[in-house]
Protein backbone atom coordinates (compact mmCIF):
# COMPACT_ATOMS: atom_id res chain seq x y z
CA MET A 1 162.74 71.99 41.69
CA ALA A 2 162.48 75.02 44.10
CA PRO A 3 158.94 75.60 44.93
CA THR A 4 156.75 77.91 42.82
CA ILE A 5 155.85 80.74 45.00
CA LEU A 6 152.43 82.34 44.32
CA ASN A 7 151.15 85.90 44.69
CA THR A 8 148.51 86.31 47.24
CA PRO A 9 145.04 85.28 45.29
CA THR A 10 142.93 88.16 45.17
CA GLU A 11 140.72 87.84 47.81
CA THR A 12 140.04 91.13 49.35
CA ASN A 13 136.80 93.05 48.75
CA SER A 14 137.18 95.83 46.26
CA GLY A 15 138.16 98.94 47.51
CA THR A 16 137.98 98.41 50.96
CA GLY A 17 140.84 95.90 51.60
CA GLU A 18 139.08 94.04 53.45
CA LEU A 19 138.71 90.13 53.37
CA PRO A 20 135.52 88.78 51.90
CA ASP A 21 132.63 87.56 54.41
CA PRO A 22 131.57 84.04 53.85
CA VAL A 23 129.68 83.28 50.55
CA LEU A 24 126.07 81.10 51.21
CA THR A 25 124.11 80.38 48.13
CA PRO A 26 121.44 77.50 49.02
CA ILE A 27 120.32 75.40 45.97
CA ALA A 28 118.44 73.21 48.42
CA ASP A 29 116.69 72.52 51.61
CA HIS A 30 119.45 71.03 53.49
CA ALA A 31 116.70 69.22 55.71
CA GLU A 32 115.34 67.30 53.11
CA ALA A 33 118.42 66.29 51.00
CA LEU A 34 119.72 64.88 54.72
CA ALA A 35 116.56 63.05 54.84
CA ARG A 36 116.58 61.70 51.62
CA ALA A 37 120.01 60.61 52.47
CA GLU A 38 119.23 58.31 55.29
CA ALA A 39 116.50 56.54 53.37
CA GLY A 40 118.95 56.01 51.11
CA VAL A 41 121.31 54.52 53.62
CA GLN A 42 118.28 52.35 55.05
CA ALA A 43 116.84 51.10 52.16
CA LEU A 44 121.01 49.69 51.47
CA ARG A 45 120.89 48.87 55.38
CA GLU A 46 117.87 46.59 54.61
CA VAL A 47 119.31 44.09 52.23
CA ARG A 48 123.38 44.66 53.74
CA ASN A 49 124.87 40.80 53.83
CA ASP A 50 127.09 40.84 57.18
CA ARG A 51 129.48 38.28 56.28
CA TRP A 52 132.44 40.67 56.06
CA TYR A 53 130.49 43.64 58.07
CA PRO A 54 132.65 44.54 61.19
CA THR A 55 132.08 44.36 64.53
CA PHE A 56 134.22 46.38 66.16
CA HIS A 57 135.64 49.23 63.25
CA ILE A 58 133.37 51.84 62.32
CA ALA A 59 131.49 51.55 59.15
CA SER A 60 128.26 52.99 57.66
CA ASN A 61 124.98 51.55 58.45
CA GLY A 62 124.89 51.00 54.49
CA GLY A 63 126.34 52.73 51.45
CA TRP A 64 129.92 53.74 50.30
CA ILE A 65 132.34 55.41 52.88
CA ASN A 66 135.69 56.95 52.49
CA ASP A 67 137.88 59.39 54.40
CA PRO A 68 137.47 60.02 58.52
CA ASN A 69 136.44 63.61 58.54
CA GLY A 70 136.13 66.06 61.90
CA LEU A 71 137.66 64.02 64.42
CA CYS A 72 137.18 65.49 67.30
CA ARG A 73 136.47 65.12 71.10
CA TYR A 74 133.92 67.75 72.28
CA ASP A 75 131.43 68.01 75.49
CA GLY A 76 132.12 64.56 76.71
CA ARG A 77 131.86 62.50 73.01
CA TRP A 78 134.36 61.34 70.63
CA HIS A 79 132.99 62.59 67.08
CA VAL A 80 133.97 60.48 63.82
CA PHE A 81 132.40 62.43 60.89
CA TYR A 82 133.44 60.26 57.28
CA GLN A 83 132.82 61.01 53.64
CA LEU A 84 129.05 58.84 52.49
CA HIS A 85 127.70 57.82 49.45
CA PRO A 86 124.24 57.07 50.92
CA TYR A 87 122.22 55.86 47.53
CA GLY A 88 125.17 53.17 46.28
CA THR A 89 128.39 51.23 47.51
CA GLN A 90 130.46 52.74 44.66
CA TRP A 91 131.76 56.22 45.42
CA GLY A 92 129.31 59.00 44.39
CA PRO A 93 127.73 62.40 45.16
CA MET A 94 129.81 62.92 48.74
CA HIS A 95 127.56 63.55 52.18
CA TRP A 96 129.01 63.15 55.91
CA GLY A 97 128.36 60.59 58.00
CA HIS A 98 128.75 60.95 61.70
CA VAL A 99 129.00 57.97 64.97
CA SER A 100 129.92 59.26 68.34
CA SER A 101 131.02 57.82 71.75
CA THR A 102 131.69 58.79 75.23
CA ASP A 103 134.86 56.28 75.70
CA MET A 104 135.53 54.67 72.20
CA LEU A 105 134.35 51.39 73.02
CA HIS A 106 130.79 52.00 72.86
CA TRP A 107 129.71 54.05 69.23
CA ARG A 108 126.29 55.30 68.30
CA ARG A 109 124.93 56.62 64.93
CA GLU A 110 124.00 60.37 64.81
CA PRO A 111 122.07 61.65 61.92
CA ILE A 112 123.61 62.56 58.82
CA ALA A 113 125.56 65.36 59.24
CA PHE A 114 126.07 66.75 55.94
CA ALA A 115 124.50 66.52 52.59
CA PRO A 116 124.87 68.99 49.12
CA SER A 117 122.75 71.72 49.57
CA LEU A 118 124.70 74.85 48.44
CA GLU A 119 126.41 75.83 45.04
CA GLN A 120 129.53 75.69 46.00
CA GLU A 121 128.98 71.74 47.05
CA ARG A 122 126.41 70.73 44.37
CA HIS A 123 128.15 67.88 43.80
CA GLY A 124 129.75 66.92 46.92
CA VAL A 125 130.72 67.84 50.49
CA PHE A 126 134.36 66.69 50.20
CA SER A 127 136.85 66.37 53.19
CA GLY A 128 137.51 68.28 56.04
CA SER A 129 138.74 68.85 59.93
CA ALA A 130 136.92 70.27 62.70
CA VAL A 131 138.53 72.05 65.39
CA ILE A 132 137.50 73.84 68.65
CA GLY A 133 137.68 77.42 68.51
CA ASP A 134 138.54 80.50 69.92
CA ASP A 135 134.97 80.36 71.75
CA SER A 136 135.74 77.17 72.74
CA LYS A 137 132.88 76.06 70.11
CA PRO A 138 133.52 73.31 67.21
CA LYS A 139 134.23 74.61 64.06
CA ILE A 140 133.80 72.03 60.63
CA TYR A 141 135.92 72.95 57.56
CA TYR A 142 135.57 71.04 54.36
CA THR A 143 135.75 71.31 50.95
CA GLY A 144 132.80 72.04 48.57
CA HIS A 145 133.33 70.35 45.45
CA ARG A 146 131.39 70.78 41.92
CA TRP A 147 132.45 69.19 38.57
CA ALA A 148 134.17 72.16 36.02
CA ASN A 149 131.82 70.94 33.37
CA GLY A 150 128.30 70.73 35.55
CA LYS A 151 127.95 67.10 35.22
CA ASP A 152 131.47 64.68 35.30
CA ASN A 153 135.13 64.97 36.02
CA THR A 154 135.68 64.92 32.46
CA GLY A 155 136.11 68.71 32.98
CA GLY A 156 137.62 68.50 36.23
CA ASP A 157 137.09 69.61 39.37
CA TRP A 158 136.10 73.45 40.76
CA GLN A 159 136.51 73.13 44.44
CA VAL A 160 136.74 75.44 47.11
CA GLN A 161 137.07 75.70 51.43
CA MET A 162 134.04 75.89 53.50
CA LEU A 163 133.02 76.70 57.12
CA ALA A 164 130.01 75.07 59.17
CA GLU A 165 128.58 75.16 62.49
CA PRO A 166 126.64 73.05 64.97
CA ASN A 167 123.91 74.21 66.45
CA ASP A 168 123.83 71.68 69.43
CA ASP A 169 126.23 70.43 72.08
CA GLY A 170 125.58 66.85 70.47
CA MET A 171 126.98 68.05 66.96
CA THR A 172 123.48 66.63 65.64
CA THR A 173 122.62 70.01 63.07
CA PHE A 174 124.49 72.31 61.70
CA THR A 175 124.64 75.50 60.01
CA LYS A 176 126.60 76.25 57.27
CA ARG A 177 128.43 79.63 56.70
CA GLY A 178 128.94 79.12 53.38
CA MET A 179 132.22 79.52 51.36
CA ILE A 180 135.30 81.25 53.10
CA ILE A 181 138.30 80.51 50.33
CA ASP A 182 137.76 80.65 46.62
CA CYS A 183 139.94 78.69 44.45
CA PRO A 184 142.22 80.58 42.34
CA THR A 185 141.77 78.94 39.39
CA ASP A 186 144.54 80.36 37.43
CA GLU A 187 146.81 79.07 39.48
CA VAL A 188 145.64 75.78 40.38
CA ASP A 189 145.42 72.23 38.55
CA HIS A 190 141.51 72.08 39.59
CA HIS A 191 142.49 70.06 42.70
CA PHE A 192 141.79 72.26 46.02
CA ARG A 193 141.09 70.28 48.89
CA ASP A 194 140.80 68.71 52.38
CA PRO A 195 141.52 71.80 55.10
CA LYS A 196 143.35 71.07 58.21
CA VAL A 197 143.17 73.87 60.77
CA TRP A 198 145.21 74.82 64.04
CA LYS A 199 146.60 77.85 66.26
CA THR A 200 150.24 79.04 66.76
CA CYS A 201 150.73 81.82 68.92
CA ASP A 202 147.97 83.78 68.51
CA THR A 203 146.82 83.28 64.82
CA TRP A 204 145.06 80.10 62.86
CA TYR A 205 146.36 77.99 60.07
CA MET A 206 144.79 76.55 57.05
CA THR A 207 146.58 74.26 55.26
CA PHE A 208 144.81 72.05 52.43
CA GLY A 209 146.20 70.04 49.36
CA VAL A 210 146.32 71.67 45.96
CA SER A 211 147.69 70.55 42.38
CA SER A 212 149.49 73.82 40.75
CA LYS A 213 148.86 74.92 37.29
CA GLU A 214 151.93 72.98 36.52
CA LYS A 215 150.62 70.04 38.17
CA ARG A 216 152.95 69.73 41.10
CA GLY A 217 151.57 68.38 44.58
CA GLN A 218 151.75 71.59 46.69
CA MET A 219 150.20 72.30 50.01
CA TRP A 220 148.80 75.65 50.79
CA LEU A 221 149.08 77.82 53.85
CA TYR A 222 146.36 80.24 54.86
CA THR A 223 145.98 82.39 58.20
CA SER A 224 143.22 83.87 60.30
CA ASP A 225 142.69 85.85 63.07
CA ASP A 226 138.44 85.18 63.47
CA MET A 227 138.76 81.96 62.03
CA VAL A 228 135.84 83.14 59.16
CA HIS A 229 137.89 85.44 57.09
CA TRP A 230 141.41 83.70 55.67
CA SER A 231 143.90 85.23 53.52
CA PHE A 232 146.78 83.57 51.93
CA ASP A 233 150.31 83.17 53.65
CA ARG A 234 152.35 80.89 51.56
CA VAL A 235 153.14 77.20 49.74
CA LEU A 236 153.86 75.48 52.90
CA PHE A 237 155.31 72.57 50.72
CA GLU A 238 156.28 71.24 47.46
CA HIS A 239 156.67 67.13 47.07
CA PRO A 240 160.11 66.90 45.03
CA ASP A 241 158.73 64.15 43.29
CA PRO A 242 157.51 65.68 39.80
CA ASP A 243 154.94 62.40 39.16
CA VAL A 244 153.06 63.76 42.80
CA PHE A 245 150.54 66.11 41.01
CA MET A 246 148.43 66.57 44.01
CA LEU A 247 148.89 66.54 47.60
CA GLU A 248 145.19 64.30 49.39
CA CYS A 249 144.13 64.32 52.82
CA PRO A 250 146.94 66.73 54.06
CA ASP A 251 147.51 66.85 57.69
CA PHE A 252 150.42 69.10 59.59
CA PHE A 253 151.28 69.18 63.82
CA PRO A 254 153.97 69.67 66.08
CA ILE A 255 155.15 66.64 68.33
CA THR A 256 157.84 66.19 70.96
CA ASP A 257 159.81 63.37 72.41
CA ALA A 258 160.09 61.95 75.75
CA ASP A 259 162.91 64.69 76.38
CA GLY A 260 160.58 67.53 75.02
CA ASN A 261 162.23 68.21 71.57
CA GLU A 262 159.93 69.60 69.26
CA LYS A 263 159.08 68.45 65.60
CA TRP A 264 156.77 69.25 63.12
CA VAL A 265 155.14 66.32 60.90
CA ILE A 266 153.44 66.68 57.85
CA GLY A 267 151.15 64.42 56.13
CA PHE A 268 149.80 63.28 53.05
CA SER A 269 148.72 61.56 49.98
CA ALA A 270 151.38 61.44 47.48
CA MET A 271 148.80 61.33 44.21
CA GLY A 272 151.19 59.80 41.48
CA ALA A 273 154.11 58.63 43.16
CA LYS A 274 155.09 55.34 41.02
CA PRO A 275 155.84 51.99 43.04
CA LYS A 276 159.18 51.18 43.65
CA GLY A 277 160.30 47.96 45.47
CA PHE A 278 158.46 47.67 48.67
CA MET A 279 157.27 51.44 48.48
CA ASN A 280 154.17 52.94 46.85
CA ARG A 281 152.29 49.68 46.07
CA ASN A 282 148.85 50.70 46.47
CA LEU A 283 147.14 53.09 43.95
CA ASN A 284 147.91 56.07 46.37
CA ASN A 285 149.64 55.97 49.22
CA ALA A 286 149.34 58.00 52.56
CA GLY A 287 152.39 58.99 54.28
CA TYR A 288 154.65 61.90 56.43
CA MET A 289 157.52 63.18 56.82
CA ILE A 290 159.34 64.45 60.07
CA GLY A 291 160.87 68.23 59.96
CA ASN A 292 160.58 72.23 61.33
CA TRP A 293 158.34 74.54 60.84
CA ALA A 294 157.70 77.84 62.13
CA PRO A 295 154.82 80.99 61.41
CA GLY A 296 156.62 82.99 58.21
CA ARG A 297 158.64 80.26 56.80
CA MET A 298 158.07 76.68 54.70
CA PHE A 299 157.93 73.52 56.01
CA GLU A 300 161.50 71.89 56.03
CA SER A 301 161.86 68.01 55.63
CA GLU A 302 164.53 66.15 57.78
CA THR A 303 163.27 62.45 56.46
CA GLU A 304 162.21 60.41 53.45
CA PHE A 305 158.72 59.96 52.70
CA ARG A 306 157.82 57.26 54.91
CA LEU A 307 154.14 54.99 55.03
CA TRP A 308 151.76 55.34 58.29
CA ASP A 309 150.65 51.93 57.01
CA CYS A 310 152.27 49.53 54.68
CA GLY A 311 148.92 47.31 54.03
CA HIS A 312 146.72 46.85 51.05
CA ASN A 313 144.31 49.04 52.39
CA PHE A 314 144.89 52.73 54.07
CA TYR A 315 144.09 55.79 53.00
CA ALA A 316 143.16 59.27 53.69
CA PRO A 317 144.27 59.26 57.44
CA GLN A 318 143.53 62.39 59.64
CA SER A 319 144.78 63.55 62.75
CA PHE A 320 143.52 65.07 65.90
CA THR A 321 145.00 66.54 69.40
CA VAL A 322 143.28 65.94 72.62
CA ASP A 323 144.69 66.39 75.83
CA GLY A 324 148.00 66.53 74.44
CA ARG A 325 147.96 63.42 72.47
CA GLN A 326 148.00 62.71 68.77
CA LEU A 327 145.62 60.59 67.45
CA MET A 328 144.64 59.14 64.04
CA LEU A 329 141.91 57.43 62.10
CA GLY A 330 142.43 55.88 58.89
CA TRP A 331 140.04 54.39 55.90
CA MET A 332 140.71 50.84 55.09
CA SER A 333 140.28 51.36 51.11
CA PRO A 334 139.07 48.94 49.03
CA PHE A 335 141.65 50.30 45.99
CA THR A 336 141.74 47.73 43.78
CA PRO A 337 139.05 44.91 42.35
CA PRO A 338 137.48 42.70 42.84
CA ILE A 339 135.27 44.54 45.70
CA PRO A 340 133.19 41.86 46.55
CA MET A 341 131.52 43.53 49.48
CA GLU A 342 129.83 46.01 47.14
CA GLN A 343 127.38 43.30 46.24
CA ASP A 344 126.68 43.12 50.34
CA GLY A 345 125.08 46.83 50.49
CA TRP A 346 127.91 48.60 52.28
CA CYS A 347 131.35 49.02 51.15
CA GLY A 348 134.36 50.36 53.39
CA ASN A 349 135.53 50.67 57.37
CA MET A 350 137.96 52.76 59.16
CA THR A 351 141.01 51.65 61.02
CA LEU A 352 141.13 51.98 64.71
CA MET A 353 142.00 54.81 66.37
CA ARG A 354 145.86 55.02 66.81
CA GLU A 355 147.54 57.24 68.86
CA ILE A 356 150.79 58.69 66.98
CA THR A 357 154.24 59.03 69.31
CA LEU A 358 157.86 60.35 68.25
CA GLY A 359 159.85 56.95 69.78
CA GLU A 360 163.44 57.23 70.91
CA ASP A 361 164.49 56.00 67.42
CA GLY A 362 163.49 59.18 65.95
CA ASP A 363 160.40 57.85 63.76
CA LEU A 364 156.93 57.99 64.51
CA HIS A 365 154.72 55.22 66.13
CA THR A 366 151.13 54.69 65.59
CA ALA A 367 150.22 51.73 68.11
CA PRO A 368 146.48 51.97 68.91
CA CYS A 369 144.61 53.93 71.50
CA LYS A 370 144.97 52.50 75.45
CA GLU A 371 141.28 52.80 75.46
CA PHE A 372 140.78 49.40 73.04
CA GLU A 373 142.63 47.46 76.22
CA GLY A 374 138.56 47.64 77.20
CA LEU A 375 137.25 45.75 74.27
CA ARG A 376 138.48 42.59 75.48
CA VAL A 377 136.10 40.26 77.32
CA THR A 378 137.91 36.98 77.49
CA THR A 379 141.39 36.31 77.37
CA THR A 380 143.34 32.96 76.55
CA ASN A 381 147.05 32.94 78.13
CA TYR A 382 148.82 30.61 76.25
CA GLY A 383 152.13 31.29 77.63
CA GLU A 384 155.69 30.02 75.70
CA MET A 385 154.92 27.86 72.56
CA LEU A 386 157.50 25.56 70.10
CA ILE A 387 155.82 25.19 66.64
CA GLU A 388 157.85 22.51 64.95
CA ALA A 389 159.01 22.76 60.92
CA ASN A 390 155.89 22.73 58.93
CA GLN A 391 153.09 21.96 61.30
CA GLU A 392 150.43 24.13 62.12
CA THR A 393 148.26 24.45 65.64
CA THR A 394 144.90 26.08 65.46
CA LEU A 395 144.34 28.69 68.10
CA ALA A 396 140.48 28.95 67.47
CA ASP A 397 138.44 27.11 65.16
CA ASP A 398 135.76 29.88 64.66
CA VAL A 399 136.48 33.88 65.50
CA GLU A 400 134.45 36.87 64.49
CA ALA A 401 136.33 39.31 66.56
CA VAL A 402 139.90 38.87 68.54
CA GLU A 403 143.06 40.27 69.31
CA ILE A 404 146.23 38.41 69.09
CA GLU A 405 149.47 39.09 71.20
CA MET A 406 152.16 37.32 70.60
CA THR A 407 156.10 37.73 71.23
CA ILE A 408 158.54 35.22 68.42
CA ASP A 409 161.71 34.26 69.51
CA LEU A 410 163.71 35.54 65.91
CA GLU A 411 167.05 33.71 67.60
CA ALA A 412 165.32 30.58 68.53
CA THR A 413 163.10 30.28 64.98
CA GLY A 414 164.55 28.97 62.01
CA ALA A 415 161.41 28.62 60.13
CA GLU A 416 161.67 30.90 56.72
CA ARG A 417 157.58 32.14 57.22
CA ALA A 418 156.90 32.07 61.14
CA GLY A 419 153.21 33.60 62.44
CA LEU A 420 149.55 32.97 61.53
CA HIS A 421 146.78 31.75 59.41
CA VAL A 422 144.11 34.05 59.53
CA HIS A 423 140.37 33.49 57.92
CA ALA A 424 141.49 29.78 57.63
CA THR A 425 138.24 27.92 56.44
CA GLU A 426 137.78 24.36 55.99
CA ASP A 427 138.51 24.79 51.68
CA GLY A 428 142.01 25.87 52.22
CA HIS A 429 142.01 29.51 51.99
CA TYR A 430 143.19 31.56 54.51
CA THR A 431 145.38 34.98 54.98
CA SER A 432 149.28 34.86 56.48
CA VAL A 433 150.76 37.20 58.74
CA VAL A 434 154.05 36.32 59.06
CA TYR A 435 157.44 37.06 59.87
CA ASP A 436 159.70 36.35 56.47
CA ASP A 437 163.08 35.71 57.72
CA GLN A 438 164.49 36.23 53.75
CA LEU A 439 163.29 39.39 53.82
CA GLY A 440 163.45 40.50 57.45
CA ARG A 441 160.36 41.71 57.47
CA VAL A 442 156.83 41.12 58.41
CA VAL A 443 154.15 40.48 55.70
CA VAL A 444 150.51 40.37 54.93
CA ASP A 445 150.14 38.04 52.06
CA ARG A 446 146.76 37.13 50.51
CA GLN A 447 147.67 34.85 47.67
CA ASN A 448 145.55 32.37 49.11
CA VAL A 449 142.59 34.64 50.50
CA ALA A 450 139.10 32.83 49.08
CA ASN A 451 137.60 36.64 47.74
CA GLY A 452 138.72 39.77 46.85
CA ASP A 453 142.07 41.32 45.69
CA LYS A 454 145.25 39.26 46.41
CA GLY A 455 148.83 40.79 46.27
CA TYR A 456 151.37 40.38 49.50
CA ARG A 457 152.53 43.79 51.87
CA THR A 458 155.51 44.18 53.83
CA ALA A 459 156.43 46.00 56.85
CA PRO A 460 160.48 46.58 57.17
CA LEU A 461 162.45 46.28 60.56
CA SER A 462 165.04 48.13 61.13
CA ASP A 463 168.68 46.87 62.11
CA GLU A 464 168.19 47.65 66.06
CA GLU A 465 164.70 45.60 65.71
CA LEU A 466 166.39 42.24 64.21
CA ALA A 467 169.35 42.69 66.34
CA SER A 468 167.32 42.73 69.50
CA GLY A 469 166.32 38.83 68.55
CA LYS A 470 162.56 39.50 68.73
CA LEU A 471 159.20 40.19 67.81
CA ASP A 472 156.21 41.60 68.87
CA LEU A 473 153.11 41.71 67.19
CA ARG A 474 149.58 42.55 67.76
CA VAL A 475 146.68 41.28 65.44
CA PHE A 476 143.51 42.55 65.25
CA ILE A 477 141.36 40.54 63.38
CA ASP A 478 137.51 40.91 62.25
CA ARG A 479 134.90 39.48 60.20
CA GLY A 480 136.62 40.87 57.20
CA CYS A 481 139.86 42.71 57.87
CA VAL A 482 143.10 42.23 60.01
CA GLU A 483 145.17 45.17 61.41
CA VAL A 484 148.87 44.21 61.92
CA TYR A 485 150.72 46.20 64.34
CA VAL A 486 154.68 45.14 64.79
CA ASN A 487 156.61 46.30 67.66
CA ASP A 488 154.56 48.64 69.57
CA GLY A 489 153.32 50.54 65.97
CA HIS A 490 156.57 51.53 64.89
CA GLN A 491 154.96 49.83 61.37
CA VAL A 492 151.25 48.60 60.70
CA LEU A 493 149.58 46.79 58.04
CA SER A 494 145.83 47.42 57.14
CA SER A 495 144.25 44.89 55.02
CA TYR A 496 141.01 43.51 54.25
CA SER A 497 140.64 39.70 54.83
CA PHE A 498 137.46 38.66 52.90
CA ALA A 499 136.75 34.91 54.20
CA ALA A 500 134.78 32.11 52.25
CA GLU A 501 131.86 30.40 53.81
CA GLY A 502 131.62 28.47 57.14
CA PRO A 503 133.77 28.57 60.38
CA ARG A 504 137.15 30.89 60.32
CA ALA A 505 139.73 29.54 62.02
CA ILE A 506 143.25 31.08 63.32
CA LYS A 507 146.56 28.87 62.99
CA LEU A 508 149.92 29.00 63.99
CA VAL A 509 152.17 27.97 61.42
CA ALA A 510 155.82 27.67 61.24
CA GLU A 511 157.29 27.07 57.00
CA SER A 512 160.75 25.12 56.82
CA GLY A 513 161.72 25.48 59.75
CA ALA A 514 160.21 25.89 63.89
CA MET A 515 158.80 29.13 65.67
CA LYS A 516 159.73 29.96 69.17
CA ILE A 517 156.98 31.83 71.04
CA ASP A 518 158.00 33.66 74.00
CA SER A 519 154.65 34.62 74.97
CA LEU A 520 151.12 34.35 73.27
CA LYS A 521 147.57 35.89 74.51
CA VAL A 522 144.48 35.34 72.61
CA HIS A 523 141.60 38.03 73.51
CA THR A 524 138.08 38.33 72.58
CA LEU A 525 136.76 41.50 71.45
CA MET A 526 133.28 43.17 72.15
CA ASN A 527 130.77 44.35 69.61
CA ILE A 528 130.79 48.09 69.51
CA GLY A 529 127.35 48.53 68.61
CA LEU A 530 127.57 49.50 65.08
CA ASP A 531 126.15 46.28 63.44
CA SER A 532 122.75 46.22 64.06
């Protein structure tokens, strides 16, 4: 089905032909709203249980968090904002939390950046992005959210795009400019959110996710000369699957391979896509397509939809460009109940920051940013190892924060499953991180996890990867989660793993056959400074 091409939404000042100025309609004192939010987070911090609270992943001091927002590097600091409900550990009225760092290793908490204080964001300051403007200053674009019936989601959403600017180089306080793009409600089935802004040639572009009046998932494109006044350009992309009704948390950026060939990457979370085989096993699934785009055209995909991350708990990634690097941060979403950390005064954390590259295989790779090697405190090099059939070897009796680098010799490994048991406790619970020879895939299996949702997720290996006879795994283990990078980030699996009480061991395991390891290193990792 061809995309529905819209008429340009009516957006000019009547009789002048000019685009409208931002609409600013305060309904509350922003400083007071921020102070209440800070107090709400602190109250939850005072009762926080740290049994699964991360040591080297970004999380809020207390309360619920979701999507990463406003990612940027400005005036020598990395800035990560995130969706925050400061008054509870479940989703609620959205604010923006904020942390920053000079080196991506040592982080500090900044004041909460945004609370609802304008009419257009009465029920939530929703997700958005940051960009450095023509004046070399950051601009924040986000979605203002209201419930259409004024009280809850039974009547749908009323969503518009908003602009804010920092008051200082530290980005600790902001001035809201107000609404810059209203929602053409006759063309939209209430979803209209999550702006991403970039510049191509001399024009600024904004795309965001939309559910059309026909309930088709689309990304719309707007243009601007001054970053304030925006006009509709076209439908950038419509998802071909009629079950997909919304493209949430969209992303769009160019990328070049080692030979300098440019492609465009379109990313989104396909709401409504149905599970099929190994694909789309989560409630909603974040992925990408690679293709071509030029101003004045729609995006043309050259690939199928591919997952950014094959784990249980990855969602809402956002990328940004710094010094020619395309970096991405995702949210580890607790999709499926039971969600035991809701009882602990906090809920949700981010993944590690990843760098997106276009490999020689024509696919995207997302490996941890090189800066994270600076997290390593101590290293134990085990070299080559052989784990006999149906045996296990303990690497560590009790750990909270480690990185494991291992290469499995697939040709010399006969085990049906070979790899690691992490968060292994004395009562017999653990999470498996293994290569499954029958599937030809890397598996994170939580069937034996102590708490929370179970199930397993798999990451595919290409025919070339299997034929190489080697499998490189880089596994990051925090107090309550695990990230598994396969073959330098060609695939990734991010999953929560809520261990039982007591020491948490890491074990090498080989099931129904032996495992040959060519190399193995275990790095203990430092605390990034956010769990105090």
